[in-house]
Amino acid sequence: MDKDDRGRQPMQPSTHSAVSQLRILVLAKSGIQEEDLCSRFGQNVEFRTVHSFDEALAALRDDRYDFVVADRVKFLSLESAMISQQAVRVLETIGQGVCLVDPQGRLVWANPAMNAHPDDLIDKVCEACAKIVGETGEGDAGQGAQRLSLVAGDDQHFEVSVTPVVDAAAQVTQAAVVVWDITQRQRLQKKIDAIDMAGREIARLDVETTSGMSIEARISLLEQKILRYMHDLLHFDNFAVLLIDKKTNRLEIVLQHGMSERTGDYTIVASAEDNGISGYVAAVGRSYLCPDTSADPRYLTGLESARSSLTVPLRLHDKVIGVFDIESDRPSAFNEEDRQFAEILAGHIAIALNILDLLVTERFESTGQLADDVSAEIAGPLNDITTETSTLMDEYIGNAELRRRLEAIRDHVADIKEIVKEVASPQSGILGRRGTSPVDDPLLAGKRVLVADDEQIIRETVGGVLRRHGCHVETASDGNEAVEMLDAQPFDLVLADIKMPQKNGYEVFSAARDIENGVPVILMTGFGYDPNHSIVRARGEGLSAVLFKPFKVELLISEVHNALQPKAS
């Protein structure tokens, strides 16, 4: 054959024919014999002969061939069918859902991706297509696709394109539909919107907004805001905010929700070794994803049933001031996207804590600073007085009376130094200055008060203040001792710290109510420390008041007065 049936030059062997076997599909009755092909391509040829158009189409779909031999009519039909077949294959393999819907809203054809979508989505698409086709007139048929957004399945979001298909008479016969799953994009946008909202809301926690609120109310407000943003933004509800005590380098819990009671028992410092994930993050300033708590030696129990955790640093002016710990009862619950958004949210939390003046670092940094400042200011003048007095004493050796008076002045100067240091220093650690003279207070006189706290300085200071007001004070160093004392003798008032060994403040409160119904109880706590929402629970059960350390003597006495006031019937 010099030319094929189309008048084209005969096919030449391809370059790879010398090293690989050619595969030729022959449609029978094509007028070409295998012997002719062998003479043209050599013996290194593999033939497959089919006897019908459908067989040829199936062979081309299932395998690859270097050449197809057929007569002109069948070849053109086969080529057209192959193009259609390839188009169908593309539609069946692309990631988007594609389907055809008739004017009555019935599904005519759908690719696998479309069939994999929720059933209610397909129903909504068919309903939308019927409406669009019904509203499309002859003049509107060529105006292109219409876009719409649908929500189906388990809060899945989809973008849908509907294009009318028209025939030669400009009549709409079908609607071609393409569906994109935009759930992830919507989720990302929701997170971005939630972060913007969080920033705006937290920024509103300024002095003017919270001026009429107690410290307890401010902390509760911030905690609720964080919880809401956590739920909306990351879909997690268990978290803890820990701040670094600059003086001791310890991490102190300020806010938390849903964590175990054991969380407050750990002594964690900002160190990369042997201080859990929180200590590591606080020390190195990098976020930490823990996909499996059981396999991570750094993990310390936060959420009782935690299977994974995400811990990010709290930064203020590029300085790590604490950590933001989020935990889940599902393994591998957090990903890199969660980490990025948690870091952004942590920045807002740090700003809010700074605005509310709840930073433990600032509180401890100021302890003792007043005493140092005052002593430094008066040290020079007092030293001058001492030096001048000593000089005069040397000059008036024979004047005993004058020397005695000068010695008294020198001793008074020494006393002034000690008194200034004592008065300016926060002796109690929480109460500031305290007087030494008894106070005539008829309401408190003779009242039996139990003070329970594991810190000796708190027991001594609070007890000393109440004794000067006429109270008979007993102290307990832990929760068990407090409950035993309540069981052994009656008290008019109980003051208990929330965080104590053995039994916590809420347990002491409950025991006091059970043993002697009606006895007023005041709970004491550090800034924001309320790991099990003891305050909220106790409030609903008759708690008299809460004192947030550090507190002033005036506030202590005021709350004690309120608790002991006779209640109106």
Protein backbone atom coordinates (compact mmCIF):
# COMPACT_ATOMS: atom_id res chain seq x y z
CA MET A 1 0.00 0.00 0.00
CA ASP A 2 1.46 3.32 -1.05
CA LYS A 3 -1.30 5.36 0.59
CA ASP A 4 -4.05 4.64 3.04
CA ASP A 5 -7.74 5.08 2.28
CA ARG A 6 -7.50 8.78 3.12
CA GLY A 7 -4.69 9.32 0.65
CA ARG A 8 -2.08 9.84 3.38
CA GLN A 9 1.44 8.45 3.19
CA PRO A 10 1.85 5.07 4.82
CA MET A 11 2.85 4.96 8.49
CA GLN A 12 6.55 4.71 9.17
CA PRO A 13 7.98 2.63 11.98
CA SER A 14 8.52 4.66 15.12
CA THR A 15 11.97 5.16 16.57
CA HIS A 16 11.33 2.82 19.49
CA SER A 17 10.28 -0.11 17.24
CA ALA A 18 13.81 -1.44 17.13
CA VAL A 19 13.98 -1.93 20.86
CA SER A 20 10.34 -2.51 21.87
CA GLN A 21 7.40 -4.39 20.49
CA LEU A 22 4.78 -2.42 18.59
CA ARG A 23 1.15 -2.97 19.59
CA ILE A 24 -1.41 -2.67 16.77
CA LEU A 25 -5.17 -2.91 17.07
CA VAL A 26 -6.83 -4.21 13.91
CA LEU A 27 -10.54 -3.85 13.29
CA ALA A 28 -11.51 -6.86 11.10
CA LYS A 29 -12.66 -6.27 7.56
CA SER A 30 -10.43 -3.25 7.33
CA GLY A 31 -8.88 -4.54 4.08
CA ILE A 32 -5.44 -4.77 5.60
CA GLN A 33 -3.74 -8.11 6.23
CA GLU A 34 -1.38 -8.81 9.09
CA GLU A 35 1.25 -10.01 6.57
CA ASP A 36 1.27 -6.54 5.00
CA LEU A 37 1.77 -4.91 8.37
CA CYS A 38 4.57 -7.28 9.29
CA SER A 39 6.35 -6.46 6.08
CA ARG A 40 6.19 -2.77 6.94
CA PHE A 41 7.03 -2.96 10.69
CA GLY A 42 9.05 -6.13 10.91
CA GLN A 43 8.40 -9.15 13.06
CA ASN A 44 8.59 -7.31 16.38
CA VAL A 45 4.86 -6.54 16.28
CA GLU A 46 1.98 -7.60 18.53
CA PHE A 47 -1.42 -7.66 16.88
CA ARG A 48 -4.87 -7.70 18.42
CA THR A 49 -7.78 -8.24 16.10
CA VAL A 50 -11.33 -7.26 17.05
CA HIS A 51 -14.47 -7.86 15.02
CA SER A 52 -16.82 -5.07 16.03
CA PHE A 53 -16.89 -1.39 16.76
CA ASP A 54 -17.79 -1.94 20.43
CA GLU A 55 -14.93 -4.39 20.88
CA ALA A 56 -12.49 -1.87 19.42
CA LEU A 57 -13.78 0.86 21.73
CA ALA A 58 -13.47 -1.42 24.78
CA ALA A 59 -9.94 -2.42 23.77
CA LEU A 60 -8.86 1.19 23.47
CA ARG A 61 -10.42 1.99 26.85
CA ASP A 62 -8.66 -0.88 28.62
CA ASP A 63 -5.23 -0.84 26.98
CA ARG A 64 -2.76 1.22 24.96
CA TYR A 65 -1.84 0.74 21.30
CA ASP A 66 0.70 2.33 18.99
CA PHE A 67 -1.54 2.11 15.89
CA VAL A 68 -5.17 1.49 15.03
CA VAL A 69 -6.02 -0.04 11.64
CA ALA A 70 -9.57 0.42 10.33
CA ASP A 71 -11.40 1.61 7.23
CA ARG A 72 -12.27 5.28 6.88
CA VAL A 73 -15.88 5.23 8.12
CA LYS A 74 -15.21 3.05 11.11
CA PHE A 75 -12.02 4.96 11.92
CA LEU A 76 -13.85 8.29 12.03
CA SER A 77 -16.61 6.84 14.20
CA LEU A 78 -14.03 5.21 16.44
CA GLU A 79 -12.07 8.46 16.77
CA SER A 80 -15.23 10.38 17.72
CA ALA A 81 -16.21 7.70 20.23
CA MET A 82 -12.71 7.76 21.73
CA ILE A 83 -12.92 11.51 22.27
CA SER A 84 -16.30 11.13 23.96
CA GLN A 85 -14.95 8.26 26.03
CA GLN A 86 -11.96 10.34 27.15
CA ALA A 87 -14.25 13.21 28.05
CA VAL A 88 -16.36 10.88 30.16
CA ARG A 89 -13.24 9.50 31.80
CA VAL A 90 -12.12 13.02 32.67
CA LEU A 91 -15.50 13.83 34.16
CA GLU A 92 -15.45 10.62 36.16
CA THR A 93 -12.01 11.21 37.62
CA ILE A 94 -11.99 14.93 38.42
CA GLY A 95 -12.44 15.94 42.05
CA GLN A 96 -15.51 18.13 41.49
CA GLY A 97 -19.00 16.69 41.40
CA VAL A 98 -20.55 16.86 37.92
CA CYS A 99 -24.09 15.89 36.89
CA LEU A 100 -26.86 16.44 34.36
CA VAL A 101 -30.40 17.25 35.48
CA ASP A 102 -33.49 17.31 33.25
CA PRO A 103 -36.03 20.19 33.28
CA GLN A 104 -38.22 18.25 35.73
CA GLY A 105 -35.42 18.12 38.31
CA ARG A 106 -34.51 14.46 37.76
CA LEU A 107 -30.91 13.33 37.88
CA VAL A 108 -29.88 12.06 34.44
CA TRP A 109 -26.21 11.32 35.03
CA ALA A 110 -23.62 11.93 37.75
CA ASN A 111 -19.93 11.24 38.10
CA PRO A 112 -18.54 9.32 41.11
CA ALA A 113 -17.55 12.52 42.92
CA MET A 114 -21.13 13.76 42.71
CA ASN A 115 -22.55 10.46 43.91
CA ALA A 116 -20.20 10.60 46.90
CA HIS A 117 -21.79 13.83 48.14
CA PRO A 118 -24.61 13.72 50.72
CA ASP A 119 -28.02 12.65 49.40
CA ASP A 120 -29.67 15.83 50.61
CA LEU A 121 -27.17 17.86 48.52
CA ILE A 122 -28.17 16.00 45.34
CA ASP A 123 -31.83 16.62 46.19
CA LYS A 124 -31.17 20.33 46.69
CA VAL A 125 -29.19 20.53 43.40
CA CYS A 126 -32.00 18.87 41.44
CA GLU A 127 -34.55 21.18 43.04
CA ALA A 128 -32.44 24.25 42.23
CA CYS A 129 -31.92 23.10 38.61
CA ALA A 130 -35.65 22.61 38.07
CA LYS A 131 -36.28 26.11 39.34
CA ILE A 132 -33.51 27.67 37.22
CA VAL A 133 -34.57 25.81 34.05
CA GLY A 134 -38.20 26.74 34.69
CA GLU A 135 -37.28 30.41 35.01
CA THR A 136 -35.02 30.41 31.93
CA GLY A 137 -36.68 31.70 28.77
CA GLU A 138 -35.54 31.29 25.19
CA GLY A 139 -33.72 34.58 25.30
CA ASP A 140 -32.01 33.70 28.56
CA ALA A 141 -30.73 30.28 27.55
CA GLY A 142 -27.35 31.49 26.43
CA GLN A 143 -26.60 33.76 29.37
CA GLY A 144 -24.27 31.26 31.04
CA ALA A 145 -23.96 29.64 34.44
CA GLN A 146 -25.68 30.67 37.62
CA ARG A 147 -23.86 30.37 40.96
CA LEU A 148 -25.42 29.42 44.26
CA SER A 149 -24.28 28.22 47.71
CA LEU A 150 -25.80 25.21 49.46
CA VAL A 151 -25.37 23.64 52.90
CA ALA A 152 -25.94 19.91 53.26
CA GLY A 153 -24.81 16.85 55.17
CA ASP A 154 -23.03 17.48 58.46
CA ASP A 155 -22.68 21.26 58.10
CA GLN A 156 -20.88 20.89 54.76
CA HIS A 157 -20.75 23.90 52.46
CA PHE A 158 -20.87 23.67 48.65
CA GLU A 159 -20.63 26.09 45.76
CA VAL A 160 -22.76 25.08 42.75
CA SER A 161 -22.62 26.21 39.10
CA VAL A 162 -25.71 25.50 36.97
CA THR A 163 -25.48 25.95 33.19
CA PRO A 164 -28.56 25.42 30.95
CA VAL A 165 -27.97 23.05 27.99
CA VAL A 166 -29.89 24.10 24.86
CA ASP A 167 -30.70 22.28 21.63
CA ALA A 168 -30.72 23.58 18.05
CA ALA A 169 -34.13 25.15 18.64
CA ALA A 170 -32.77 27.12 21.62
CA GLN A 171 -34.83 25.03 24.02
CA VAL A 172 -33.33 24.11 27.39
CA THR A 173 -33.11 20.34 27.52
CA GLN A 174 -30.90 19.81 30.57
CA ALA A 175 -28.86 21.59 33.18
CA ALA A 176 -25.15 20.86 33.53
CA VAL A 177 -23.99 21.13 37.14
CA VAL A 178 -20.54 21.42 38.71
CA VAL A 179 -20.22 21.23 42.53
CA TRP A 180 -17.26 22.34 44.67
CA ASP A 181 -16.90 21.33 48.32
CA ILE A 182 -15.88 24.57 50.09
CA THR A 183 -16.33 23.31 53.66
CA GLN A 184 -12.66 23.73 54.51
CA ARG A 185 -12.61 27.22 53.06
CA GLN A 186 -15.70 28.17 55.04
CA ARG A 187 -14.18 26.74 58.22
CA LEU A 188 -11.05 28.77 57.64
CA GLN A 189 -13.10 31.91 57.09
CA LYS A 190 -15.09 31.25 60.25
CA LYS A 191 -11.87 31.00 62.21
CA ILE A 192 -10.58 34.25 60.75
CA ASP A 193 -13.87 35.97 61.61
CA ALA A 194 -13.79 34.53 65.13
CA ILE A 195 -10.24 35.79 65.66
CA ASP A 196 -11.24 39.26 64.52
CA MET A 197 -14.19 39.17 66.88
CA ALA A 198 -12.00 37.89 69.71
CA GLY A 199 -9.55 40.71 69.23
CA ARG A 200 -12.28 43.32 69.28
CA GLU A 201 -14.07 41.82 72.26
CA ILE A 202 -10.95 41.35 74.37
CA ALA A 203 -9.83 44.88 73.55
CA ARG A 204 -13.07 46.11 75.11
CA LEU A 205 -11.94 44.81 78.52
CA ASP A 206 -10.52 48.22 79.35
CA VAL A 207 -10.60 50.15 82.60
CA GLU A 208 -13.72 52.08 81.67
CA THR A 209 -15.67 48.93 80.77
CA THR A 210 -14.68 46.98 83.89
CA SER A 211 -14.40 49.81 86.41
CA GLY A 212 -17.58 48.81 88.20
CA MET A 213 -16.74 45.11 88.25
CA SER A 214 -15.05 43.14 90.99
CA ILE A 215 -11.87 41.20 90.28
CA GLU A 216 -13.90 38.00 90.40
CA ALA A 217 -16.34 39.36 87.82
CA ARG A 218 -13.52 40.51 85.53
CA ILE A 219 -11.85 37.09 85.68
CA SER A 220 -15.15 35.33 85.05
CA LEU A 221 -15.86 37.64 82.09
CA LEU A 222 -12.47 36.94 80.53
CA GLU A 223 -12.79 33.19 81.11
CA GLN A 224 -16.20 33.08 79.47
CA LYS A 225 -14.95 35.06 76.48
CA ILE A 226 -12.00 32.73 75.99
CA LEU A 227 -14.24 29.69 76.34
CA ARG A 228 -16.65 31.05 73.72
CA TYR A 229 -13.87 31.88 71.28
CA MET A 230 -12.23 28.50 71.88
CA HIS A 231 -15.49 26.75 71.08
CA ASP A 232 -16.23 28.85 67.98
CA LEU A 233 -12.68 29.01 66.72
CA LEU A 234 -11.08 25.66 67.46
CA HIS A 235 -14.09 23.61 68.58
CA PHE A 236 -12.39 22.71 71.87
CA ASP A 237 -13.60 23.48 75.38
CA ASN A 238 -10.80 22.38 77.74
CA PHE A 239 -7.99 24.85 78.36
CA ALA A 240 -5.71 26.40 80.96
CA VAL A 241 -3.85 29.72 81.02
CA LEU A 242 -0.66 29.67 83.08
CA LEU A 243 1.55 32.71 83.78
CA ILE A 244 5.18 32.83 84.82
CA ASP A 245 5.92 34.12 88.30
CA LYS A 246 9.01 36.18 87.52
CA LYS A 247 10.36 35.86 91.04
CA THR A 248 10.19 32.06 91.30
CA ASN A 249 9.97 31.16 87.57
CA ARG A 250 6.97 28.99 88.42
CA LEU A 251 3.93 28.65 86.19
CA GLU A 252 0.77 29.63 88.04
CA ILE A 253 -2.75 28.82 86.81
CA VAL A 254 -4.74 31.99 86.18
CA LEU A 255 -7.67 30.72 84.11
CA GLN A 256 -8.86 27.26 83.22
CA HIS A 257 -11.90 25.29 82.14
CA GLY A 258 -12.56 21.55 82.13
CA MET A 259 -9.19 20.48 83.53
CA SER A 260 -8.50 17.87 86.19
CA GLU A 261 -8.17 18.72 89.89
CA ARG A 262 -4.62 17.37 89.64
CA THR A 263 -3.64 20.30 87.42
CA GLY A 264 -3.13 22.61 90.39
CA ASP A 265 -0.99 20.06 92.26
CA TYR A 266 1.99 20.27 89.92
CA THR A 267 4.96 22.49 90.63
CA ILE A 268 6.02 23.55 87.14
CA VAL A 269 8.77 26.00 86.30
CA ALA A 270 9.74 27.46 82.95
CA SER A 271 12.36 24.87 82.06
CA ALA A 272 12.92 22.71 78.99
CA GLU A 273 13.64 19.62 81.12
CA ASP A 274 11.48 17.68 83.60
CA ASN A 275 8.68 20.26 83.77
CA GLY A 276 6.13 18.92 81.34
CA ILE A 277 5.03 20.41 78.05
CA SER A 278 3.98 23.71 79.64
CA GLY A 279 7.41 24.21 81.25
CA TYR A 280 9.09 23.38 77.96
CA VAL A 281 6.97 25.82 75.93
CA ALA A 282 7.45 28.59 78.51
CA ALA A 283 11.22 28.06 78.41
CA VAL A 284 11.83 27.75 74.66
CA GLY A 285 8.96 29.96 73.45
CA ARG A 286 7.80 27.49 70.77
CA SER A 287 4.44 25.80 70.37
CA TYR A 288 4.11 22.09 71.04
CA LEU A 289 1.73 19.61 69.40
CA CYS A 290 1.22 16.38 71.33
CA PRO A 291 -0.76 13.94 69.15
CA ASP A 292 -0.65 11.10 71.71
CA THR A 293 -0.38 11.92 75.42
CA SER A 294 0.30 8.29 76.36
CA ALA A 295 3.44 8.21 74.20
CA ASP A 296 4.87 11.62 75.14
CA PRO A 297 7.11 11.60 78.25
CA ARG A 298 6.73 15.38 78.63
CA TYR A 299 2.96 15.25 79.10
CA LEU A 300 1.53 15.90 82.58
CA THR A 301 -2.16 15.24 83.19
CA GLY A 302 -4.34 18.25 82.47
CA LEU A 303 -7.67 16.96 81.19
CA GLU A 304 -8.43 13.68 83.00
CA SER A 305 -9.16 11.79 79.76
CA ALA A 306 -6.82 13.72 77.49
CA ARG A 307 -5.49 11.93 74.42
CA SER A 308 -3.81 14.90 72.71
CA SER A 309 -2.85 18.48 73.50
CA LEU A 310 -1.73 21.76 71.97
CA THR A 311 0.35 24.23 73.99
CA VAL A 312 1.36 27.66 72.68
CA PRO A 313 3.34 30.46 74.37
CA LEU A 314 1.68 33.63 75.65
CA ARG A 315 3.66 36.61 74.40
CA LEU A 316 3.49 40.23 75.42
CA HIS A 317 5.83 42.65 73.61
CA ASP A 318 7.80 39.64 72.25
CA LYS A 319 8.35 38.32 75.76
CA VAL A 320 7.01 34.93 76.89
CA ILE A 321 4.86 35.53 79.97
CA GLY A 322 3.14 32.14 80.15
CA VAL A 323 1.45 29.40 78.14
CA PHE A 324 -1.97 28.62 76.71
CA ASP A 325 -2.73 24.88 76.96
CA ILE A 326 -5.61 23.24 75.04
CA GLU A 327 -6.49 19.57 75.49
CA SER A 328 -8.80 17.03 73.84
CA ASP A 329 -10.08 13.55 74.66
CA ARG A 330 -9.43 12.57 71.02
CA PRO A 331 -6.01 11.47 69.73
CA SER A 332 -4.38 13.68 67.08
CA ALA A 333 -7.14 16.26 67.54
CA PHE A 334 -4.90 19.22 66.61
CA ASN A 335 -3.11 20.13 63.39
CA GLU A 336 -0.84 22.89 62.16
CA GLU A 337 -3.79 25.09 61.29
CA ASP A 338 -5.05 24.81 64.88
CA ARG A 339 -1.59 25.75 66.11
CA GLN A 340 -1.47 28.91 64.01
CA PHE A 341 -4.87 30.11 65.15
CA ALA A 342 -4.19 29.19 68.79
CA GLU A 343 -1.07 31.36 68.67
CA ILE A 344 -3.10 34.30 67.39
CA LEU A 345 -5.73 33.80 70.09
CA ALA A 346 -2.98 33.49 72.72
CA GLY A 347 -1.75 36.95 71.76
CA HIS A 348 -5.19 38.41 72.47
CA ILE A 349 -5.35 36.56 75.81
CA ALA A 350 -2.00 38.02 76.85
CA ILE A 351 -3.22 41.52 75.99
CA ALA A 352 -6.43 40.97 77.96
CA LEU A 353 -4.53 39.77 81.02
CA ASN A 354 -2.31 42.80 80.82
CA ILE A 355 -5.31 45.13 80.51
CA LEU A 356 -6.97 43.55 83.54
CA ASP A 357 -3.74 43.80 85.50
CA LEU A 358 -3.84 40.10 86.33
CA LEU A 359 -0.26 39.29 85.39
CA VAL A 360 1.29 37.27 88.17
CA THR A 361 4.71 38.46 87.03
CA GLU A 362 3.81 42.09 87.72
CA ARG A 363 2.27 41.26 91.09
CA PHE A 364 5.32 39.41 92.36
CA GLU A 365 7.75 41.84 90.78
CA SER A 366 6.31 44.66 92.89
CA THR A 367 6.57 42.68 96.16
CA GLY A 368 9.17 44.38 98.35
CA GLN A 369 9.87 47.10 95.81
CA LEU A 370 8.21 49.78 97.94
CA ALA A 371 10.44 48.99 100.91
CA ASP A 372 13.58 49.20 98.79
CA ASP A 373 12.51 52.49 97.18
CA VAL A 374 11.64 54.18 100.52
CA SER A 375 14.79 52.92 102.24
CA ALA A 376 16.94 54.15 99.37
CA GLU A 377 15.34 57.63 99.48
CA ILE A 378 15.89 58.20 103.21
CA ALA A 379 19.13 56.25 103.64
CA GLY A 380 21.35 59.23 102.83
CA PRO A 381 19.78 61.76 105.24
CA LEU A 382 19.59 59.19 108.05
CA ASN A 383 23.22 58.20 107.59
CA ASP A 384 24.20 61.87 107.72
CA ILE A 385 22.35 62.24 111.04
CA THR A 386 24.10 59.18 112.46
CA THR A 387 27.53 60.44 111.36
CA GLU A 388 26.94 63.94 112.75
CA THR A 389 25.70 62.52 116.04
CA SER A 390 28.78 60.36 116.46
CA THR A 391 31.01 63.37 115.74
CA LEU A 392 29.26 65.50 118.38
CA MET A 393 29.53 62.71 120.95
CA ASP A 394 33.28 62.60 120.41
CA GLU A 395 33.50 66.38 120.89
CA TYR A 396 31.47 66.43 124.13
CA ILE A 397 33.14 63.57 126.02
CA GLY A 398 32.80 65.34 129.36
CA ASN A 399 29.14 66.21 129.01
CA ALA A 400 27.30 63.06 130.07
CA GLU A 401 23.80 64.51 129.65
CA LEU A 402 24.50 65.72 126.12
CA ARG A 403 26.10 62.41 125.17
CA ARG A 404 23.05 60.57 126.52
CA ARG A 405 20.75 62.70 124.38
CA LEU A 406 22.95 62.21 121.31
CA GLU A 407 22.98 58.45 121.86
CA ALA A 408 19.19 58.51 122.03
CA ILE A 409 19.09 60.36 118.70
CA ARG A 410 21.40 57.79 117.11
CA ASP A 411 19.26 54.93 118.43
CA HIS A 412 16.11 56.60 117.15
CA VAL A 413 17.66 56.88 113.69
CA ALA A 414 18.35 53.15 113.73
CA ASP A 415 14.76 52.52 114.84
CA ILE A 416 13.46 54.76 112.04
CA LYS A 417 15.28 52.65 109.47
CA GLU A 418 13.75 49.45 110.78
CA ILE A 419 10.27 50.94 111.14
CA VAL A 420 10.31 52.34 107.60
CA LYS A 421 11.41 48.98 106.26
CA GLU A 422 8.71 47.17 108.26
CA VAL A 423 5.91 49.60 107.36
CA ALA A 424 6.79 49.83 103.66
CA SER A 425 7.29 46.08 103.23
CA PRO A 426 4.27 43.87 102.49
CA GLN A 427 4.70 41.89 105.70
CA SER A 428 1.79 39.58 105.12
CA GLY A 429 2.42 38.98 101.45
CA ILE A 430 -1.24 39.80 100.76
CA LEU A 431 -2.44 42.43 103.20
CA GLY A 432 0.15 45.19 103.15
CA ARG A 433 0.42 47.40 106.24
CA ARG A 434 -1.05 46.22 109.47
CA GLY A 435 -1.57 48.01 112.74
CA THR A 436 -0.59 46.73 116.16
CA SER A 437 -3.13 48.35 118.46
CA PRO A 438 -6.42 46.60 119.33
CA VAL A 439 -9.59 47.76 117.55
CA ASP A 440 -12.92 48.20 119.29
CA ASP A 441 -15.27 46.24 117.03
CA PRO A 442 -18.49 45.09 118.77
CA LEU A 443 -19.60 42.93 115.82
CA LEU A 444 -16.36 40.92 115.77
CA ALA A 445 -15.66 40.86 119.49
CA GLY A 446 -15.79 37.32 120.85
CA LYS A 447 -16.53 35.68 117.47
CA ARG A 448 -14.89 32.28 116.90
CA VAL A 449 -13.18 32.21 113.50
CA LEU A 450 -11.39 29.36 111.69
CA VAL A 451 -8.67 30.38 109.21
CA ALA A 452 -7.54 27.54 106.92
CA ASP A 453 -4.60 28.04 104.54
CA ASP A 454 -1.50 25.99 103.71
CA GLU A 455 0.68 29.14 103.76
CA GLN A 456 1.79 30.05 107.26
CA ILE A 457 2.17 33.74 106.47
CA ILE A 458 -1.50 33.89 105.43
CA ARG A 459 -2.70 32.13 108.57
CA GLU A 460 -0.61 34.39 110.82
CA THR A 461 -1.52 37.62 109.07
CA VAL A 462 -5.26 37.07 108.71
CA GLY A 463 -5.40 35.65 112.23
CA GLY A 464 -3.49 38.63 113.63
CA VAL A 465 -5.82 41.14 112.01
CA LEU A 466 -8.95 39.37 113.27
CA ARG A 467 -7.54 38.99 116.79
CA ARG A 468 -6.91 42.75 116.98
CA HIS A 469 -10.61 43.17 116.17
CA GLY A 470 -11.55 40.95 119.10
CA CYS A 471 -11.99 37.56 117.39
CA HIS A 472 -10.93 34.21 118.82
CA VAL A 473 -9.01 32.67 115.92
CA GLU A 474 -8.05 29.04 115.29
CA THR A 475 -5.93 28.05 112.27
CA ALA A 476 -5.59 24.93 110.10
CA SER A 477 -2.77 24.19 107.65
CA ASP A 478 -4.72 21.90 105.29
CA GLY A 479 -8.23 20.84 104.38
CA ASN A 480 -8.32 17.71 106.50
CA GLU A 481 -7.28 19.58 109.64
CA ALA A 482 -9.91 22.25 108.96
CA VAL A 483 -12.71 19.68 108.64
CA GLU A 484 -11.59 17.92 111.85
CA MET A 485 -11.65 21.24 113.74
CA LEU A 486 -15.10 22.07 112.37
CA ASP A 487 -16.31 18.70 113.59
CA ALA A 488 -14.80 19.21 117.05
CA GLN A 489 -16.06 22.72 117.91
CA PRO A 490 -18.48 25.38 116.64
CA PHE A 491 -17.32 28.47 114.72
CA ASP A 492 -19.05 31.73 113.84
CA LEU A 493 -17.05 32.18 110.60
CA VAL A 494 -14.73 30.17 108.34
CA LEU A 495 -12.08 31.60 105.99
CA ALA A 496 -10.51 28.94 103.74
CA ASP A 497 -8.09 29.01 100.82
CA ILE A 498 -9.36 27.26 97.67
CA LYS A 499 -6.05 25.52 96.90
CA MET A 500 -5.01 23.36 99.89
CA PRO A 501 -3.58 19.84 100.35
CA GLN A 502 -5.84 16.93 101.35
CA LYS A 503 -9.14 18.78 100.95
CA ASN A 504 -9.63 21.98 98.97
CA GLY A 505 -11.56 25.08 99.95
CA TYR A 506 -14.80 23.93 98.36
CA GLU A 507 -14.69 20.69 100.37
CA VAL A 508 -14.10 22.68 103.56
CA PHE A 509 -17.05 24.92 102.62
CA SER A 510 -19.29 21.88 102.07
CA ALA A 511 -18.20 20.31 105.37
CA ALA A 512 -18.89 23.55 107.24
CA ARG A 513 -22.41 23.74 105.79
CA ASP A 514 -23.08 20.08 106.62
CA ILE A 515 -21.75 20.24 110.18
CA GLU A 516 -23.30 23.55 111.15
CA ASN A 517 -25.87 24.78 108.68
CA GLY A 518 -25.81 28.55 108.28
CA VAL A 519 -22.20 29.21 109.30
CA PRO A 520 -20.82 31.87 106.91
CA VAL A 521 -17.80 30.89 104.78
CA ILE A 522 -15.36 33.14 102.90
CA LEU A 523 -13.05 31.56 100.31
CA MET A 524 -9.60 32.98 99.52
CA THR A 525 -7.68 32.46 96.28
CA GLY A 526 -4.82 33.81 94.20
CA PHE A 527 -5.66 35.90 91.13
CA GLY A 528 -8.00 33.87 88.98
CA TYR A 529 -7.23 30.47 90.52
CA ASP A 530 -10.45 28.49 90.51
CA PRO A 531 -9.64 25.19 88.74
CA ASN A 532 -12.90 23.40 89.41
CA HIS A 533 -15.18 26.43 89.38
CA SER A 534 -15.44 26.13 93.16
CA ILE A 535 -16.49 29.76 93.45
CA VAL A 536 -19.35 29.37 90.99
CA ARG A 537 -20.62 26.23 92.71
CA ALA A 538 -20.23 27.63 96.22
CA ARG A 539 -21.95 30.89 95.23
CA GLY A 540 -25.04 28.94 94.38
CA GLU A 541 -24.88 27.12 97.71
CA GLY A 542 -24.63 30.15 99.98
CA LEU A 543 -20.98 31.27 99.91
CA SER A 544 -20.61 34.60 101.72
CA ALA A 545 -17.70 36.14 99.79
CA VAL A 546 -14.46 35.58 97.88
CA LEU A 547 -11.16 37.35 98.64
CA PHE A 548 -8.63 37.52 95.83
CA LYS A 549 -5.03 37.69 97.01
CA PRO A 550 -3.44 40.12 97.52
CA PHE A 551 -6.20 41.95 99.42
CA LYS A 552 -6.16 44.87 101.84
CA VAL A 553 -7.05 44.84 105.54
CA GLU A 554 -10.02 47.10 104.88
CA LEU A 555 -11.47 44.66 102.35
CA LEU A 556 -10.94 41.69 104.69
CA ILE A 557 -12.73 43.41 107.57
CA SER A 558 -15.51 44.62 105.28
CA GLU A 559 -16.23 41.11 103.97
CA VAL A 560 -16.05 39.64 107.49
CA HIS A 561 -18.54 42.28 108.68
CA ASN A 562 -20.88 41.47 105.80
CA ALA A 563 -20.67 37.76 106.52
CA LEU A 564 -21.43 38.19 110.24
CA GLN A 565 -24.23 40.74 109.85
CA PRO A 566 -27.59 39.34 110.96
CA LYS A 567 -29.54 38.31 107.88
CA ALA A 568 -33.02 39.71 107.35
CA SER A 569 -35.71 37.08 107.69
